[in-house]
Amino acid sequence: MKFLLKYIRKSKLLLIIFYAMLNLRNILRRRFYQTNLKTGHRIENSDNIINYILLTSSFFDIAEIDYKSIKTALEIGPGDNLGLSISFLDKGIQEIDVFDKFQNDFNQNSINTIYKELIESLGSNESIESYLEKISRLIKDNSKKFFLPKVNKKYDLIFSVSVLEHLWPADKIIQELSNNLTDSGI
């Protein structure tokens, strides 16, 4: 895969074709797969959503992160689904900020059924509220030049799933995120 990307970057035409195919893939996914949180029926698809959250969360376990040593984390691009952050809180992270540049309309009550099922599948007896009080939403200030709103803290962990490929210019955004990590941050 690295070889392929290296080769694609050398040719502007291949690069344009590559990004056009990514966009086409995303359009087709939106059109044909209705389990998307924004377009699907959440309650009917809750098993799919919960399985996706658990699967995604398990991928992070490969990195052997010591979640209990992480005081603050930042999730980039959760939309209105805080399920991944809830699963990380369950693993021991103390508090999580979430930021979605494009998601400004939140209706948490519409997703509480999924949160209940997720928390049960995690084997937790905690309430939804006890998880949600440890999660803070950062709101985009459109007057700012930078990607993230100004935060006065550093994060021990910054994570994101299926988002960075949609953000441009990626190198500047990744640098900005890196600047918000603690010295030992991941």
N, C-alpha and C. Protein backbone atom coordinates (compact mmCIF):
# COMPACT_ATOMS: atom_id res chain seq x y z
N MET A 1 0.82 -1.19 0.00
CA MET A 1 0.00 0.00 0.00
C MET A 1 0.87 1.26 0.00
N LYS A 2 1.97 1.27 0.79
CA LYS A 2 2.84 2.45 0.83
C LYS A 2 3.44 2.71 -0.54
N PHE A 3 3.83 1.63 -1.23
CA PHE A 3 4.40 1.78 -2.57
C PHE A 3 3.37 2.41 -3.51
N LEU A 4 2.14 1.95 -3.41
CA LEU A 4 1.08 2.47 -4.28
C LEU A 4 0.85 3.95 -4.03
N LEU A 5 0.78 4.36 -2.77
CA LEU A 5 0.59 5.77 -2.46
C LEU A 5 1.77 6.62 -2.93
N LYS A 6 2.98 6.10 -2.77
CA LYS A 6 4.17 6.80 -3.22
C LYS A 6 4.12 7.02 -4.74
N TYR A 7 3.70 6.01 -5.46
CA TYR A 7 3.59 6.09 -6.92
C TYR A 7 2.49 7.06 -7.33
N ILE A 8 1.35 7.00 -6.64
CA ILE A 8 0.23 7.88 -6.95
C ILE A 8 0.60 9.33 -6.73
N ARG A 9 1.35 9.63 -5.66
CA ARG A 9 1.73 11.01 -5.35
C ARG A 9 2.61 11.62 -6.43
N LYS A 10 3.36 10.78 -7.17
CA LYS A 10 4.25 11.29 -8.21
C LYS A 10 3.50 11.78 -9.44
N SER A 11 2.30 11.29 -9.65
CA SER A 11 1.54 11.65 -10.84
C SER A 11 0.30 12.44 -10.44
N LYS A 12 0.18 13.66 -10.93
CA LYS A 12 -0.97 14.49 -10.61
C LYS A 12 -2.26 13.87 -11.14
N LEU A 13 -2.21 13.27 -12.33
CA LEU A 13 -3.39 12.65 -12.91
C LEU A 13 -3.85 11.47 -12.04
N LEU A 14 -2.91 10.63 -11.63
CA LEU A 14 -3.27 9.50 -10.77
C LEU A 14 -3.82 9.98 -9.43
N LEU A 15 -3.24 11.06 -8.93
CA LEU A 15 -3.71 11.61 -7.66
C LEU A 15 -5.15 12.11 -7.79
N ILE A 16 -5.46 12.79 -8.87
CA ILE A 16 -6.82 13.26 -9.12
C ILE A 16 -7.78 12.08 -9.24
N ILE A 17 -7.37 11.06 -9.98
CA ILE A 17 -8.21 9.86 -10.14
C ILE A 17 -8.42 9.17 -8.79
N PHE A 18 -7.36 9.08 -7.99
CA PHE A 18 -7.44 8.45 -6.67
C PHE A 18 -8.47 9.16 -5.80
N TYR A 19 -8.41 10.50 -5.72
CA TYR A 19 -9.35 11.24 -4.88
C TYR A 19 -10.76 11.22 -5.46
N ALA A 20 -10.87 11.21 -6.77
CA ALA A 20 -12.19 11.10 -7.39
C ALA A 20 -12.83 9.76 -7.04
N MET A 21 -12.04 8.69 -7.03
CA MET A 21 -12.57 7.37 -6.68
C MET A 21 -12.96 7.31 -5.20
N LEU A 22 -12.18 7.98 -4.34
CA LEU A 22 -12.55 8.04 -2.92
C LEU A 22 -13.89 8.74 -2.76
N ASN A 23 -14.08 9.84 -3.46
CA ASN A 23 -15.35 10.56 -3.39
C ASN A 23 -16.49 9.73 -3.93
N LEU A 24 -16.28 9.05 -5.04
CA LEU A 24 -17.30 8.18 -5.61
C LEU A 24 -17.67 7.07 -4.62
N ARG A 25 -16.67 6.49 -3.99
CA ARG A 25 -16.92 5.46 -2.99
C ARG A 25 -17.80 6.00 -1.87
N ASN A 26 -17.49 7.21 -1.40
CA ASN A 26 -18.27 7.81 -0.31
C ASN A 26 -19.70 8.10 -0.74
N ILE A 27 -19.89 8.56 -1.97
CA ILE A 27 -21.23 8.82 -2.48
C ILE A 27 -22.02 7.52 -2.56
N LEU A 28 -21.40 6.47 -3.07
CA LEU A 28 -22.08 5.19 -3.18
C LEU A 28 -22.43 4.62 -1.81
N ARG A 29 -21.52 4.77 -0.88
CA ARG A 29 -21.81 4.29 0.48
C ARG A 29 -23.02 5.01 1.05
N ARG A 30 -23.06 6.32 0.90
CA ARG A 30 -24.19 7.09 1.42
C ARG A 30 -25.49 6.70 0.74
N ARG A 31 -25.43 6.42 -0.54
CA ARG A 31 -26.63 6.11 -1.32
C ARG A 31 -27.17 4.72 -1.01
N PHE A 32 -26.28 3.75 -0.87
CA PHE A 32 -26.73 2.36 -0.79
C PHE A 32 -26.70 1.76 0.61
N TYR A 33 -25.91 2.30 1.49
CA TYR A 33 -25.83 1.74 2.84
C TYR A 33 -26.47 2.70 3.82
N GLN A 34 -27.64 2.38 4.26
CA GLN A 34 -28.41 3.30 5.08
C GLN A 34 -28.19 3.11 6.58
N THR A 35 -27.10 2.47 6.99
CA THR A 35 -26.83 2.34 8.42
C THR A 35 -26.02 3.52 8.94
N ASN A 36 -25.72 4.47 8.07
CA ASN A 36 -25.02 5.67 8.46
C ASN A 36 -25.81 6.37 9.57
N LEU A 37 -25.11 6.90 10.57
CA LEU A 37 -25.80 7.54 11.70
C LEU A 37 -26.65 8.73 11.28
N LYS A 38 -26.25 9.46 10.27
CA LYS A 38 -27.02 10.63 9.88
C LYS A 38 -28.24 10.26 9.05
N THR A 39 -28.14 9.20 8.26
CA THR A 39 -29.22 8.90 7.33
C THR A 39 -30.02 7.67 7.70
N GLY A 40 -29.47 6.83 8.55
CA GLY A 40 -30.12 5.56 8.84
C GLY A 40 -31.11 5.66 9.99
N HIS A 41 -31.74 4.56 10.26
CA HIS A 41 -32.66 4.45 11.39
C HIS A 41 -31.84 3.91 12.55
N ARG A 42 -31.55 4.76 13.49
CA ARG A 42 -30.64 4.39 14.57
C ARG A 42 -31.13 3.20 15.38
N ILE A 43 -32.36 3.22 15.77
CA ILE A 43 -32.87 2.16 16.64
C ILE A 43 -32.87 0.83 15.90
N GLU A 44 -33.34 0.84 14.64
CA GLU A 44 -33.36 -0.39 13.86
C GLU A 44 -31.95 -0.91 13.58
N ASN A 45 -30.99 -0.03 13.46
CA ASN A 45 -29.62 -0.42 13.13
C ASN A 45 -28.70 -0.40 14.34
N SER A 46 -29.25 -0.36 15.54
CA SER A 46 -28.41 -0.20 16.72
C SER A 46 -27.40 -1.33 16.87
N ASP A 47 -27.76 -2.56 16.51
CA ASP A 47 -26.79 -3.66 16.60
C ASP A 47 -25.60 -3.39 15.70
N ASN A 48 -25.84 -2.92 14.48
CA ASN A 48 -24.75 -2.62 13.56
C ASN A 48 -23.87 -1.51 14.12
N ILE A 49 -24.49 -0.49 14.67
CA ILE A 49 -23.74 0.65 15.20
C ILE A 49 -22.89 0.21 16.39
N ILE A 50 -23.48 -0.53 17.30
CA ILE A 50 -22.75 -0.99 18.48
C ILE A 50 -21.61 -1.91 18.08
N ASN A 51 -21.86 -2.83 17.15
CA ASN A 51 -20.80 -3.72 16.69
C ASN A 51 -19.66 -2.92 16.05
N TYR A 52 -20.00 -1.89 15.30
CA TYR A 52 -18.98 -1.05 14.68
C TYR A 52 -18.16 -0.33 15.75
N ILE A 53 -18.82 0.22 16.77
CA ILE A 53 -18.11 0.92 17.84
C ILE A 53 -17.17 -0.05 18.57
N LEU A 54 -17.67 -1.23 18.90
CA LEU A 54 -16.84 -2.21 19.61
C LEU A 54 -15.67 -2.68 18.75
N LEU A 55 -15.92 -2.90 17.47
CA LEU A 55 -14.85 -3.31 16.56
C LEU A 55 -13.79 -2.21 16.46
N THR A 56 -14.23 -0.99 16.26
CA THR A 56 -13.31 0.13 16.14
C THR A 56 -12.50 0.29 17.42
N SER A 57 -13.16 0.21 18.54
CA SER A 57 -12.48 0.32 19.83
C SER A 57 -11.42 -0.78 19.99
N SER A 58 -11.73 -1.98 19.51
CA SER A 58 -10.77 -3.09 19.64
C SER A 58 -9.53 -2.86 18.79
N PHE A 59 -9.65 -2.13 17.68
CA PHE A 59 -8.48 -1.84 16.86
C PHE A 59 -7.45 -1.02 17.63
N PHE A 60 -7.92 -0.14 18.51
CA PHE A 60 -7.01 0.67 19.30
C PHE A 60 -6.24 -0.19 20.31
N ASP A 61 -6.83 -1.32 20.72
CA ASP A 61 -6.16 -2.19 21.69
C ASP A 61 -4.86 -2.76 21.13
N ILE A 62 -4.76 -2.86 19.81
CA ILE A 62 -3.55 -3.36 19.18
C ILE A 62 -2.36 -2.47 19.54
N ALA A 63 -2.61 -1.19 19.72
CA ALA A 63 -1.55 -0.24 20.05
C ALA A 63 -1.09 -0.36 21.50
N GLU A 64 -1.74 -1.21 22.27
CA GLU A 64 -1.39 -1.45 23.68
C GLU A 64 -1.31 -0.14 24.47
N ILE A 65 -2.33 0.66 24.33
CA ILE A 65 -2.42 1.94 25.05
C ILE A 65 -2.81 1.67 26.49
N ASP A 66 -2.11 2.31 27.42
CA ASP A 66 -2.47 2.21 28.83
C ASP A 66 -3.55 3.27 29.11
N TYR A 67 -4.80 2.90 28.88
CA TYR A 67 -5.91 3.85 28.99
C TYR A 67 -6.02 4.47 30.37
N LYS A 68 -5.69 3.71 31.40
CA LYS A 68 -5.83 4.22 32.77
C LYS A 68 -4.85 5.35 33.07
N SER A 69 -3.77 5.47 32.28
CA SER A 69 -2.80 6.55 32.50
C SER A 69 -3.17 7.81 31.72
N ILE A 70 -4.23 7.73 30.93
CA ILE A 70 -4.63 8.88 30.11
C ILE A 70 -5.66 9.71 30.85
N LYS A 71 -5.28 10.94 31.16
CA LYS A 71 -6.20 11.83 31.85
C LYS A 71 -7.13 12.53 30.87
N THR A 72 -6.56 13.09 29.79
CA THR A 72 -7.36 13.83 28.83
C THR A 72 -7.14 13.29 27.42
N ALA A 73 -8.23 13.18 26.69
CA ALA A 73 -8.17 12.72 25.30
C ALA A 73 -9.05 13.63 24.46
N LEU A 74 -8.80 13.59 23.16
CA LEU A 74 -9.58 14.37 22.21
C LEU A 74 -9.97 13.44 21.06
N GLU A 75 -11.28 13.37 20.78
CA GLU A 75 -11.76 12.63 19.62
C GLU A 75 -12.10 13.62 18.53
N ILE A 76 -11.56 13.39 17.34
CA ILE A 76 -11.83 14.24 16.19
C ILE A 76 -12.88 13.55 15.32
N GLY A 77 -13.98 14.25 15.05
CA GLY A 77 -14.97 13.79 14.10
C GLY A 77 -15.95 12.74 14.55
N PRO A 78 -16.51 12.85 15.76
CA PRO A 78 -17.47 11.83 16.17
C PRO A 78 -18.88 12.05 15.61
N GLY A 79 -19.11 13.17 14.95
CA GLY A 79 -20.48 13.49 14.54
C GLY A 79 -21.31 13.65 15.79
N ASP A 80 -22.49 13.04 15.80
CA ASP A 80 -23.31 13.13 17.02
C ASP A 80 -23.29 11.81 17.79
N ASN A 81 -22.39 10.90 17.43
CA ASN A 81 -22.30 9.62 18.13
C ASN A 81 -21.06 9.61 19.02
N LEU A 82 -21.28 9.59 20.31
CA LEU A 82 -20.17 9.59 21.27
C LEU A 82 -19.83 8.18 21.75
N GLY A 83 -20.27 7.17 21.02
CA GLY A 83 -20.08 5.78 21.42
C GLY A 83 -18.63 5.38 21.58
N LEU A 84 -17.76 5.80 20.66
CA LEU A 84 -16.35 5.44 20.77
C LEU A 84 -15.73 6.08 22.01
N SER A 85 -16.08 7.33 22.27
CA SER A 85 -15.59 7.99 23.49
C SER A 85 -16.10 7.28 24.73
N ILE A 86 -17.34 6.85 24.72
CA ILE A 86 -17.89 6.10 25.86
C ILE A 86 -17.09 4.81 26.07
N SER A 87 -16.77 4.12 24.99
CA SER A 87 -16.01 2.87 25.14
C SER A 87 -14.61 3.14 25.68
N PHE A 88 -14.02 4.29 25.32
CA PHE A 88 -12.69 4.64 25.85
C PHE A 88 -12.77 5.04 27.32
N LEU A 89 -13.83 5.74 27.70
CA LEU A 89 -14.02 6.06 29.12
C LEU A 89 -14.15 4.77 29.92
N ASP A 90 -14.83 3.80 29.36
CA ASP A 90 -15.00 2.51 30.03
C ASP A 90 -13.66 1.81 30.23
N LYS A 91 -12.70 2.08 29.33
CA LYS A 91 -11.37 1.46 29.43
C LYS A 91 -10.49 2.17 30.44
N GLY A 92 -10.92 3.37 30.90
CA GLY A 92 -10.15 4.03 31.95
C GLY A 92 -9.74 5.45 31.69
N ILE A 93 -9.95 5.98 30.50
CA ILE A 93 -9.63 7.39 30.25
C ILE A 93 -10.53 8.24 31.16
N GLN A 94 -9.97 9.32 31.70
CA GLN A 94 -10.70 10.10 32.69
C GLN A 94 -11.65 11.14 32.09
N GLU A 95 -11.23 11.83 31.02
CA GLU A 95 -12.11 12.82 30.39
C GLU A 95 -11.76 12.94 28.92
N ILE A 96 -12.78 13.21 28.10
CA ILE A 96 -12.59 13.30 26.66
C ILE A 96 -13.31 14.53 26.12
N ASP A 97 -12.57 15.32 25.34
CA ASP A 97 -13.17 16.38 24.56
C ASP A 97 -13.45 15.79 23.18
N VAL A 98 -14.53 16.22 22.56
CA VAL A 98 -14.84 15.78 21.20
C VAL A 98 -15.01 17.01 20.33
N PHE A 99 -14.55 16.87 19.09
CA PHE A 99 -14.66 18.00 18.16
C PHE A 99 -15.02 17.48 16.79
N ASP A 100 -16.08 18.05 16.23
CA ASP A 100 -16.47 17.74 14.87
C ASP A 100 -16.70 19.06 14.16
N LYS A 101 -15.85 19.35 13.21
CA LYS A 101 -15.90 20.62 12.47
C LYS A 101 -17.24 20.85 11.79
N PHE A 102 -17.91 19.76 11.39
CA PHE A 102 -19.12 19.90 10.59
C PHE A 102 -20.40 19.59 11.35
N GLN A 103 -20.30 19.11 12.57
CA GLN A 103 -21.48 18.70 13.33
C GLN A 103 -21.79 19.75 14.38
N ASN A 104 -22.81 20.53 14.16
CA ASN A 104 -23.18 21.56 15.12
C ASN A 104 -24.56 21.36 15.71
N ASP A 105 -25.30 20.41 15.20
CA ASP A 105 -26.66 20.16 15.66
C ASP A 105 -26.68 18.82 16.40
N PHE A 106 -26.90 18.86 17.69
CA PHE A 106 -26.82 17.66 18.50
C PHE A 106 -28.17 17.32 19.10
N ASN A 107 -28.59 16.09 18.97
CA ASN A 107 -29.80 15.62 19.62
C ASN A 107 -29.45 14.33 20.35
N GLN A 108 -28.85 14.46 21.51
CA GLN A 108 -28.37 13.29 22.25
C GLN A 108 -29.49 12.35 22.65
N ASN A 109 -30.69 12.86 22.88
CA ASN A 109 -31.78 11.98 23.29
C ASN A 109 -32.11 10.93 22.23
N SER A 110 -31.89 11.28 20.96
CA SER A 110 -32.22 10.34 19.89
C SER A 110 -31.27 9.16 19.84
N ILE A 111 -30.15 9.24 20.54
CA ILE A 111 -29.17 8.16 20.48
C ILE A 111 -29.00 7.47 21.84
N ASN A 112 -29.75 7.90 22.85
CA ASN A 112 -29.61 7.30 24.19
C ASN A 112 -29.89 5.81 24.22
N THR A 113 -30.80 5.33 23.38
CA THR A 113 -31.08 3.89 23.33
C THR A 113 -29.82 3.12 22.93
N ILE A 114 -29.10 3.66 21.96
CA ILE A 114 -27.86 3.01 21.53
C ILE A 114 -26.83 3.06 22.64
N TYR A 115 -26.72 4.20 23.32
CA TYR A 115 -25.77 4.30 24.42
C TYR A 115 -26.08 3.27 25.51
N LYS A 116 -27.37 3.10 25.83
CA LYS A 116 -27.75 2.10 26.84
C LYS A 116 -27.29 0.71 26.43
N GLU A 117 -27.58 0.34 25.17
CA GLU A 117 -27.16 -0.98 24.68
C GLU A 117 -25.64 -1.11 24.66
N LEU A 118 -24.95 -0.05 24.26
CA LEU A 118 -23.49 -0.08 24.23
C LEU A 118 -22.93 -0.29 25.64
N ILE A 119 -23.43 0.47 26.59
CA ILE A 119 -22.95 0.37 27.97
C ILE A 119 -23.21 -1.03 28.53
N GLU A 120 -24.38 -1.60 28.22
CA GLU A 120 -24.67 -2.97 28.64
C GLU A 120 -23.71 -3.96 28.01
N SER A 121 -23.41 -3.77 26.70
CA SER A 121 -22.50 -4.69 26.03
C SER A 121 -21.07 -4.55 26.54
N LEU A 122 -20.73 -3.40 27.12
CA LEU A 122 -19.42 -3.23 27.75
C LEU A 122 -19.37 -3.89 29.13
N GLY A 123 -20.52 -4.31 29.61
CA GLY A 123 -20.59 -4.94 30.93
C GLY A 123 -20.52 -3.95 32.06
N SER A 124 -20.92 -2.72 31.79
CA SER A 124 -20.83 -1.67 32.79
C SER A 124 -22.19 -1.45 33.46
N ASN A 125 -22.13 -1.03 34.72
CA ASN A 125 -23.35 -0.66 35.45
C ASN A 125 -23.50 0.85 35.55
N GLU A 126 -22.59 1.59 34.91
CA GLU A 126 -22.63 3.06 34.94
C GLU A 126 -23.84 3.56 34.17
N SER A 127 -24.28 4.75 34.52
CA SER A 127 -25.40 5.37 33.80
C SER A 127 -24.86 6.12 32.58
N ILE A 128 -25.75 6.38 31.64
CA ILE A 128 -25.37 7.18 30.47
C ILE A 128 -24.83 8.53 30.95
N GLU A 129 -25.52 9.13 31.89
CA GLU A 129 -25.13 10.45 32.39
C GLU A 129 -23.72 10.45 32.98
N SER A 130 -23.34 9.38 33.68
CA SER A 130 -22.00 9.35 34.27
C SER A 130 -20.91 9.33 33.20
N TYR A 131 -21.20 8.73 32.05
CA TYR A 131 -20.25 8.78 30.93
C TYR A 131 -20.28 10.16 30.27
N LEU A 132 -21.47 10.66 29.98
CA LEU A 132 -21.59 11.91 29.24
C LEU A 132 -21.05 13.11 30.01
N GLU A 133 -21.06 13.06 31.34
CA GLU A 133 -20.50 14.19 32.11
C GLU A 133 -18.98 14.25 32.00
N LYS A 134 -18.35 13.19 31.51
CA LYS A 134 -16.89 13.18 31.32
C LYS A 134 -16.50 13.56 29.89
N ILE A 135 -17.51 13.87 29.07
CA ILE A 135 -17.28 14.23 27.67
C ILE A 135 -17.70 15.68 27.45
N SER A 136 -16.79 16.48 26.88
CA SER A 136 -17.09 17.88 26.57
C SER A 136 -16.98 18.09 25.07
N ARG A 137 -17.95 18.80 24.53
CA ARG A 137 -17.95 19.10 23.10
C ARG A 137 -17.28 20.45 22.85
N LEU A 138 -16.29 20.46 21.96
CA LEU A 138 -15.66 21.70 21.54
C LEU A 138 -16.43 22.19 20.31
N ILE A 139 -16.79 23.44 20.30
CA ILE A 139 -17.57 24.00 19.20
C ILE A 139 -16.65 24.85 18.32
N LYS A 140 -16.78 24.68 17.02
CA LYS A 140 -15.95 25.40 16.04
C LYS A 140 -16.28 26.88 16.06
N ASP A 141 -15.22 27.68 16.15
CA ASP A 141 -15.35 29.12 16.03
C ASP A 141 -14.97 29.46 14.59
N ASN A 142 -15.97 29.78 13.77
CA ASN A 142 -15.72 29.99 12.34
C ASN A 142 -14.86 31.21 12.03
N SER A 143 -14.65 32.06 13.01
CA SER A 143 -13.79 33.22 12.77
C SER A 143 -12.32 32.86 12.89
N LYS A 144 -12.02 31.70 13.43
CA LYS A 144 -10.63 31.28 13.61
C LYS A 144 -10.08 30.67 12.34
N LYS A 145 -8.81 30.88 12.11
CA LYS A 145 -8.14 30.32 10.94
C LYS A 145 -7.83 28.84 11.14
N PHE A 146 -7.63 28.43 12.39
CA PHE A 146 -7.17 27.08 12.66
C PHE A 146 -8.31 26.09 12.65
N PHE A 147 -7.96 24.83 12.55
CA PHE A 147 -8.93 23.74 12.52
C PHE A 147 -9.65 23.61 13.85
N LEU A 148 -8.88 23.49 14.93
CA LEU A 148 -9.46 23.29 16.26
C LEU A 148 -9.78 24.63 16.90
N PRO A 149 -10.82 24.66 17.74
CA PRO A 149 -11.01 25.87 18.54
C PRO A 149 -9.85 25.98 19.52
N LYS A 150 -9.58 27.16 20.00
CA LYS A 150 -8.48 27.36 20.94
C LYS A 150 -8.77 26.60 22.24
N VAL A 151 -7.88 25.72 22.60
CA VAL A 151 -8.02 24.98 23.86
C VAL A 151 -6.81 25.29 24.72
N ASN A 152 -7.04 25.40 26.00
CA ASN A 152 -5.95 25.72 26.93
C ASN A 152 -5.46 24.48 27.66
N LYS A 153 -5.43 23.37 26.95
CA LYS A 153 -4.89 22.17 27.57
C LYS A 153 -4.28 21.29 26.50
N LYS A 154 -3.44 20.40 26.95
CA LYS A 154 -2.80 19.41 26.07
C LYS A 154 -3.45 18.06 26.33
N TYR A 155 -3.40 17.21 25.34
CA TYR A 155 -4.06 15.91 25.43
C TYR A 155 -3.04 14.77 25.48
N ASP A 156 -3.37 13.77 26.28
CA ASP A 156 -2.54 12.56 26.36
C ASP A 156 -2.80 11.65 25.16
N LEU A 157 -3.97 11.78 24.57
CA LEU A 157 -4.34 10.95 23.42
C LEU A 157 -5.26 11.76 22.51
N ILE A 158 -4.97 11.75 21.22
CA ILE A 158 -5.88 12.31 20.22
C ILE A 158 -6.19 11.18 19.26
N PHE A 159 -7.48 10.91 19.06
CA PHE A 159 -7.86 9.80 18.19
C PHE A 159 -8.97 10.21 17.25
N SER A 160 -9.05 9.47 16.15
CA SER A 160 -10.03 9.77 15.13
C SER A 160 -10.22 8.52 14.28
N VAL A 161 -11.45 8.30 13.84
CA VAL A 161 -11.74 7.15 13.00
C VAL A 161 -12.49 7.62 11.75
N SER A 162 -11.98 7.27 10.60
CA SER A 162 -12.62 7.55 9.31
C SER A 162 -12.89 9.04 9.10
N VAL A 163 -11.94 9.88 9.51
CA VAL A 163 -12.13 11.32 9.39
C VAL A 163 -10.96 12.00 8.68
N LEU A 164 -9.75 11.69 9.04
CA LEU A 164 -8.60 12.45 8.56
C LEU A 164 -8.50 12.50 7.04
N GLU A 165 -8.98 11.47 6.36
CA GLU A 165 -8.91 11.48 4.89
C GLU A 165 -9.82 12.54 4.28
N HIS A 166 -10.70 13.13 5.08
CA HIS A 166 -11.62 14.15 4.59
C HIS A 166 -11.17 15.57 4.92
N LEU A 167 -10.08 15.71 5.63
CA LEU A 167 -9.65 17.02 6.11
C LEU A 167 -8.47 17.53 5.30
N TRP A 168 -8.58 18.80 4.89
CA TRP A 168 -7.52 19.40 4.09
C TRP A 168 -7.22 20.80 4.60
N PRO A 169 -5.99 21.19 4.59
CA PRO A 169 -4.79 20.46 4.21
C PRO A 169 -4.37 19.53 5.35
N ALA A 170 -4.27 18.27 5.05
CA ALA A 170 -4.03 17.24 6.06
C ALA A 170 -2.76 17.48 6.85
N ASP A 171 -1.68 17.86 6.17
CA ASP A 171 -0.42 18.04 6.89
C ASP A 171 -0.51 19.15 7.94
N LYS A 172 -1.21 20.23 7.63
CA LYS A 172 -1.35 21.32 8.60
C LYS A 172 -2.26 20.92 9.75
N ILE A 173 -3.32 20.18 9.46
CA ILE A 173 -4.23 19.73 10.52
C ILE A 173 -3.54 18.74 11.43
N ILE A 174 -2.78 17.81 10.86
CA ILE A 174 -2.06 16.83 11.69
C ILE A 174 -1.02 17.55 12.54
N GLN A 175 -0.35 18.57 11.99
CA GLN A 175 0.60 19.34 12.78
C GLN A 175 -0.11 20.07 13.92
N GLU A 176 -1.26 20.65 13.63
CA GLU A 176 -2.02 21.34 14.68
C GLU A 176 -2.44 20.37 15.78
N LEU A 177 -2.91 19.19 15.38
CA LEU A 177 -3.28 18.18 16.38
C LEU A 177 -2.07 17.78 17.21
N SER A 178 -0.94 17.56 16.55
CA SER A 178 0.29 17.17 17.26
C SER A 178 0.71 18.24 18.26
N ASN A 179 0.52 19.50 17.91
CA ASN A 179 0.87 20.60 18.83
C ASN A 179 0.01 20.59 20.09
N ASN A 180 -1.12 19.89 20.04
CA ASN A 180 -2.01 19.83 21.20
C ASN A 180 -1.79 18.58 22.05
N LEU A 181 -0.71 17.84 21.77
CA LEU A 181 -0.38 16.65 22.57
C LEU A 181 0.57 17.01 23.71
N THR A 182 0.45 16.28 24.81
CA THR A 182 1.44 16.39 25.87
C THR A 182 2.76 15.81 25.36
N ASP A 183 3.84 15.97 26.11
CA ASP A 183 5.15 15.45 25.66
C ASP A 183 5.11 13.95 25.43
N SER A 184 4.34 13.23 26.22
CA SER A 184 4.25 11.77 26.04
C SER A 184 2.96 11.37 25.34
N GLY A 185 2.31 12.35 24.72
CA GLY A 185 1.00 12.10 24.09
C GLY A 185 1.07 11.19 22.87
N ILE A 186 -0.04 10.54 22.63
CA ILE A 186 -0.16 9.58 21.51
C ILE A 186 -1.15 10.15 20.51
